[in-house]
Amino acid sequence: MQCLGGYRSSIACSLLEQHGFTRLVDLEGGWRAWEAAGGAVAR
């Protein structure tokens, strides 16, 4: 999961876990954190 800031994707992961999904990955901090850490971003 990913979103711009990380908050909504963490909520989405929590909701999916409540419904039995177990293989989830959340991009902590979202795209902003990814870009700040030097991750590649296509515009």
PDB file of N, CA and C in Angstrom:
ATOM      1  N   MET A   1       0.829  -1.166   0.000  1.00  0.00           N
ATOM      2  CA  MET A   1       0.000   0.000   0.000  1.00  0.00           C
ATOM      3  C   MET A   1       0.879   1.235   0.000  1.00  0.00           C
ATOM      4  N   GLN A   2       0.389   2.259  -0.658  1.00  0.00           N
ATOM      5  CA  GLN A   2       1.067   3.534  -0.565  1.00  0.00           C
ATOM      6  C   GLN A   2       0.066   4.658  -0.790  1.00  0.00           C
ATOM      7  N   CYS A   3       0.392   5.790  -0.204  1.00  0.00           N
ATOM      8  CA  CYS A   3      -0.346   7.022  -0.434  1.00  0.00           C
ATOM      9  C   CYS A   3       0.679   8.144  -0.332  1.00  0.00           C
ATOM     10  N   LEU A   4       0.266   9.356  -0.401  1.00  0.00           N
ATOM     11  CA  LEU A   4       1.221  10.458  -0.410  1.00  0.00           C
ATOM     12  C   LEU A   4       1.966  10.605   0.913  1.00  0.00           C
ATOM     13  N   GLY A   5       1.252  10.516   2.026  1.00  0.00           N
ATOM     14  CA  GLY A   5       1.897  10.758   3.315  1.00  0.00           C
ATOM     15  C   GLY A   5       2.020   9.548   4.232  1.00  0.00           C
ATOM     16  N   GLY A   6       1.387   8.434   3.887  1.00  0.00           N
ATOM     17  CA  GLY A   6       1.502   7.225   4.682  1.00  0.00           C
ATOM     18  C   GLY A   6       0.355   6.948   5.634  1.00  0.00           C
ATOM     19  N   TYR A   7      -0.452   7.940   5.943  1.00  0.00           N
ATOM     20  CA  TYR A   7      -1.533   7.758   6.916  1.00  0.00           C
ATOM     21  C   TYR A   7      -2.664   6.885   6.353  1.00  0.00           C
ATOM     22  N   ARG A   8      -3.148   7.226   5.181  1.00  0.00           N
ATOM     23  CA  ARG A   8      -4.271   6.475   4.599  1.00  0.00           C
ATOM     24  C   ARG A   8      -3.897   5.041   4.270  1.00  0.00           C
ATOM     25  N   SER A   9      -2.662   4.831   3.813  1.00  0.00           N
ATOM     26  CA  SER A   9      -2.266   3.461   3.489  1.00  0.00           C
ATOM     27  C   SER A   9      -2.163   2.603   4.745  1.00  0.00           C
ATOM     28  N   SER A  10      -1.769   3.188   5.869  1.00  0.00           N
ATOM     29  CA  SER A  10      -1.718   2.407   7.110  1.00  0.00           C
ATOM     30  C   SER A  10      -3.125   2.026   7.563  1.00  0.00           C
ATOM     31  N   ILE A  11      -4.075   2.919   7.371  1.00  0.00           N
ATOM     32  CA  ILE A  11      -5.467   2.615   7.693  1.00  0.00           C
ATOM     33  C   ILE A  11      -5.978   1.501   6.781  1.00  0.00           C
ATOM     34  N   ALA A  12      -5.662   1.598   5.504  1.00  0.00           N
ATOM     35  CA  ALA A  12      -6.101   0.571   4.553  1.00  0.00           C
ATOM     36  C   ALA A  12      -5.527  -0.788   4.920  1.00  0.00           C
ATOM     37  N   CYS A  13      -4.257  -0.842   5.300  1.00  0.00           N
ATOM     38  CA  CYS A  13      -3.650  -2.110   5.723  1.00  0.00           C
ATOM     39  C   CYS A  13      -4.352  -2.666   6.952  1.00  0.00           C
ATOM     40  N   SER A  14      -4.655  -1.820   7.917  1.00  0.00           N
ATOM     41  CA  SER A  14      -5.352  -2.271   9.119  1.00  0.00           C
ATOM     42  C   SER A  14      -6.717  -2.851   8.790  1.00  0.00           C
ATOM     43  N   LEU A  15      -7.448  -2.194   7.920  1.00  0.00           N
ATOM     44  CA  LEU A  15      -8.773  -2.685   7.532  1.00  0.00           C
ATOM     45  C   LEU A  15      -8.675  -4.020   6.809  1.00  0.00           C
ATOM     46  N   LEU A  16      -7.709  -4.142   5.919  1.00  0.00           N
ATOM     47  CA  LEU A  16      -7.539  -5.407   5.197  1.00  0.00           C
ATOM     48  C   LEU A  16      -7.125  -6.535   6.138  1.00  0.00           C
ATOM     49  N   GLU A  17      -6.260  -6.236   7.116  1.00  0.00           N
ATOM     50  CA  GLU A  17      -5.878  -7.246   8.107  1.00  0.00           C
ATOM     51  C   GLU A  17      -7.084  -7.727   8.897  1.00  0.00           C
ATOM     52  N   GLN A  18      -8.003  -6.816   9.216  1.00  0.00           N
ATOM     53  CA  GLN A  18      -9.220  -7.184   9.947  1.00  0.00           C
ATOM     54  C   GLN A  18     -10.089  -8.144   9.135  1.00  0.00           C
ATOM     55  N   HIS A  19      -9.923  -8.130   7.814  1.00  0.00           N
ATOM     56  CA  HIS A  19     -10.708  -8.997   6.936  1.00  0.00           C
ATOM     57  C   HIS A  19      -9.912 -10.208   6.464  1.00  0.00           C
ATOM     58  N   GLY A  20      -8.804 -10.492   7.148  1.00  0.00           N
ATOM     59  CA  GLY A  20      -8.105 -11.735   6.894  1.00  0.00           C
ATOM     60  C   GLY A  20      -6.905 -11.672   5.970  1.00  0.00           C
ATOM     61  N   PHE A  21      -6.610 -10.529   5.407  1.00  0.00           N
ATOM     62  CA  PHE A  21      -5.434 -10.428   4.541  1.00  0.00           C
ATOM     63  C   PHE A  21      -4.178 -10.421   5.408  1.00  0.00           C
ATOM     64  N   THR A  22      -3.169 -11.164   4.993  1.00  0.00           N
ATOM     65  CA  THR A  22      -1.967 -11.281   5.818  1.00  0.00           C
ATOM     66  C   THR A  22      -0.694 -10.852   5.102  1.00  0.00           C
ATOM     67  N   ARG A  23      -0.664 -10.888   3.795  1.00  0.00           N
ATOM     68  CA  ARG A  23       0.551 -10.556   3.049  1.00  0.00           C
ATOM     69  C   ARG A  23       0.465  -9.115   2.546  1.00  0.00           C
ATOM     70  N   LEU A  24       0.620  -8.175   3.455  1.00  0.00           N
ATOM     71  CA  LEU A  24       0.490  -6.760   3.139  1.00  0.00           C
ATOM     72  C   LEU A  24       1.816  -6.051   3.392  1.00  0.00           C
ATOM     73  N   VAL A  25       2.088  -5.067   2.577  1.00  0.00           N
ATOM     74  CA  VAL A  25       3.276  -4.228   2.754  1.00  0.00           C
ATOM     75  C   VAL A  25       2.814  -2.783   2.653  1.00  0.00           C
ATOM     76  N   ASP A  26       3.252  -1.958   3.592  1.00  0.00           N
ATOM     77  CA  ASP A  26       2.884  -0.550   3.608  1.00  0.00           C
ATOM     78  C   ASP A  26       4.146   0.296   3.442  1.00  0.00           C
ATOM     79  N   LEU A  27       4.129   1.227   2.521  1.00  0.00           N
ATOM     80  CA  LEU A  27       5.243   2.150   2.314  1.00  0.00           C
ATOM     81  C   LEU A  27       5.168   3.203   3.414  1.00  0.00           C
ATOM     82  N   GLU A  28       5.908   2.973   4.500  1.00  0.00           N
ATOM     83  CA  GLU A  28       5.836   3.868   5.659  1.00  0.00           C
ATOM     84  C   GLU A  28       6.260   5.285   5.284  1.00  0.00           C
ATOM     85  N   GLY A  29       5.433   6.238   5.637  1.00  0.00           N
ATOM     86  CA  GLY A  29       5.731   7.622   5.325  1.00  0.00           C
ATOM     87  C   GLY A  29       5.270   8.050   3.948  1.00  0.00           C
ATOM     88  N   GLY A  30       4.812   7.089   3.159  1.00  0.00           N
ATOM     89  CA  GLY A  30       4.264   7.384   1.841  1.00  0.00           C
ATOM     90  C   GLY A  30       5.309   7.830   0.832  1.00  0.00           C
ATOM     91  N   TRP A  31       4.793   8.372  -0.273  1.00  0.00           N
ATOM     92  CA  TRP A  31       5.670   8.814  -1.359  1.00  0.00           C
ATOM     93  C   TRP A  31       6.578   9.954  -0.945  1.00  0.00           C
ATOM     94  N   ARG A  32       6.113  10.783  -0.037  1.00  0.00           N
ATOM     95  CA  ARG A  32       6.963  11.890   0.426  1.00  0.00           C
ATOM     96  C   ARG A  32       8.232  11.362   1.078  1.00  0.00           C
ATOM     97  N   ALA A  33       8.099  10.370   1.954  1.00  0.00           N
ATOM     98  CA  ALA A  33       9.261   9.783   2.626  1.00  0.00           C
ATOM     99  C   ALA A  33      10.148   9.059   1.621  1.00  0.00           C
ATOM    100  N   TRP A  34       9.527   8.374   0.671  1.00  0.00           N
ATOM    101  CA  TRP A  34      10.284   7.661  -0.364  1.00  0.00           C
ATOM    102  C   TRP A  34      11.161   8.641  -1.145  1.00  0.00           C
ATOM    103  N   GLU A  35      10.554   9.725  -1.573  1.00  0.00           N
ATOM    104  CA  GLU A  35      11.295  10.718  -2.365  1.00  0.00           C
ATOM    105  C   GLU A  35      12.383  11.394  -1.507  1.00  0.00           C
ATOM    106  N   ALA A  36      12.078  11.712  -0.250  1.00  0.00           N
ATOM    107  CA  ALA A  36      13.051  12.344   0.632  1.00  0.00           C
ATOM    108  C   ALA A  36      14.251  11.439   0.898  1.00  0.00           C
ATOM    109  N   ALA A  37      14.035  10.113   0.856  1.00  0.00           N
ATOM    110  CA  ALA A  37      15.114   9.153   1.087  1.00  0.00           C
ATOM    111  C   ALA A  37      15.923   8.888  -0.171  1.00  0.00           C
ATOM    112  N   GLY A  38      15.562   9.551  -1.273  1.00  0.00           N
ATOM    113  CA  GLY A  38      16.306   9.381  -2.522  1.00  0.00           C
ATOM    114  C   GLY A  38      15.721   8.351  -3.460  1.00  0.00           C
ATOM    115  N   GLY A  39      14.529   7.855  -3.165  1.00  0.00           N
ATOM    116  CA  GLY A  39      13.881   6.884  -4.052  1.00  0.00           C
ATOM    117  C   GLY A  39      13.499   7.538  -5.372  1.00  0.00           C
ATOM    118  N   ALA A  40      13.546   6.757  -6.433  1.00  0.00           N
ATOM    119  CA  ALA A  40      13.220   7.267  -7.771  1.00  0.00           C
ATOM    120  C   ALA A  40      11.733   7.552  -7.869  1.00  0.00           C
ATOM    121  N   VAL A  41      11.401   8.697  -8.459  1.00  0.00           N
ATOM    122  CA  VAL A  41      10.000   9.086  -8.679  1.00  0.00           C
ATOM    123  C   VAL A  41       9.883   9.615 -10.097  1.00  0.00           C
ATOM    124  N   ALA A  42       8.990   9.021 -10.886  1.00  0.00           N
ATOM    125  CA  ALA A  42       8.721   9.504 -12.242  1.00  0.00           C
ATOM    126  C   ALA A  42       7.595  10.522 -12.171  1.00  0.00           C
ATOM    127  N   ARG A  43       7.749  11.609 -12.879  1.00  0.00           N
ATOM    128  CA  ARG A  43       6.725  12.649 -12.886  1.00  0.00           C
ATOM    129  C   ARG A  43       6.084  12.779 -14.238  1.00  0.00           C
TER     130      ARG A  43
END
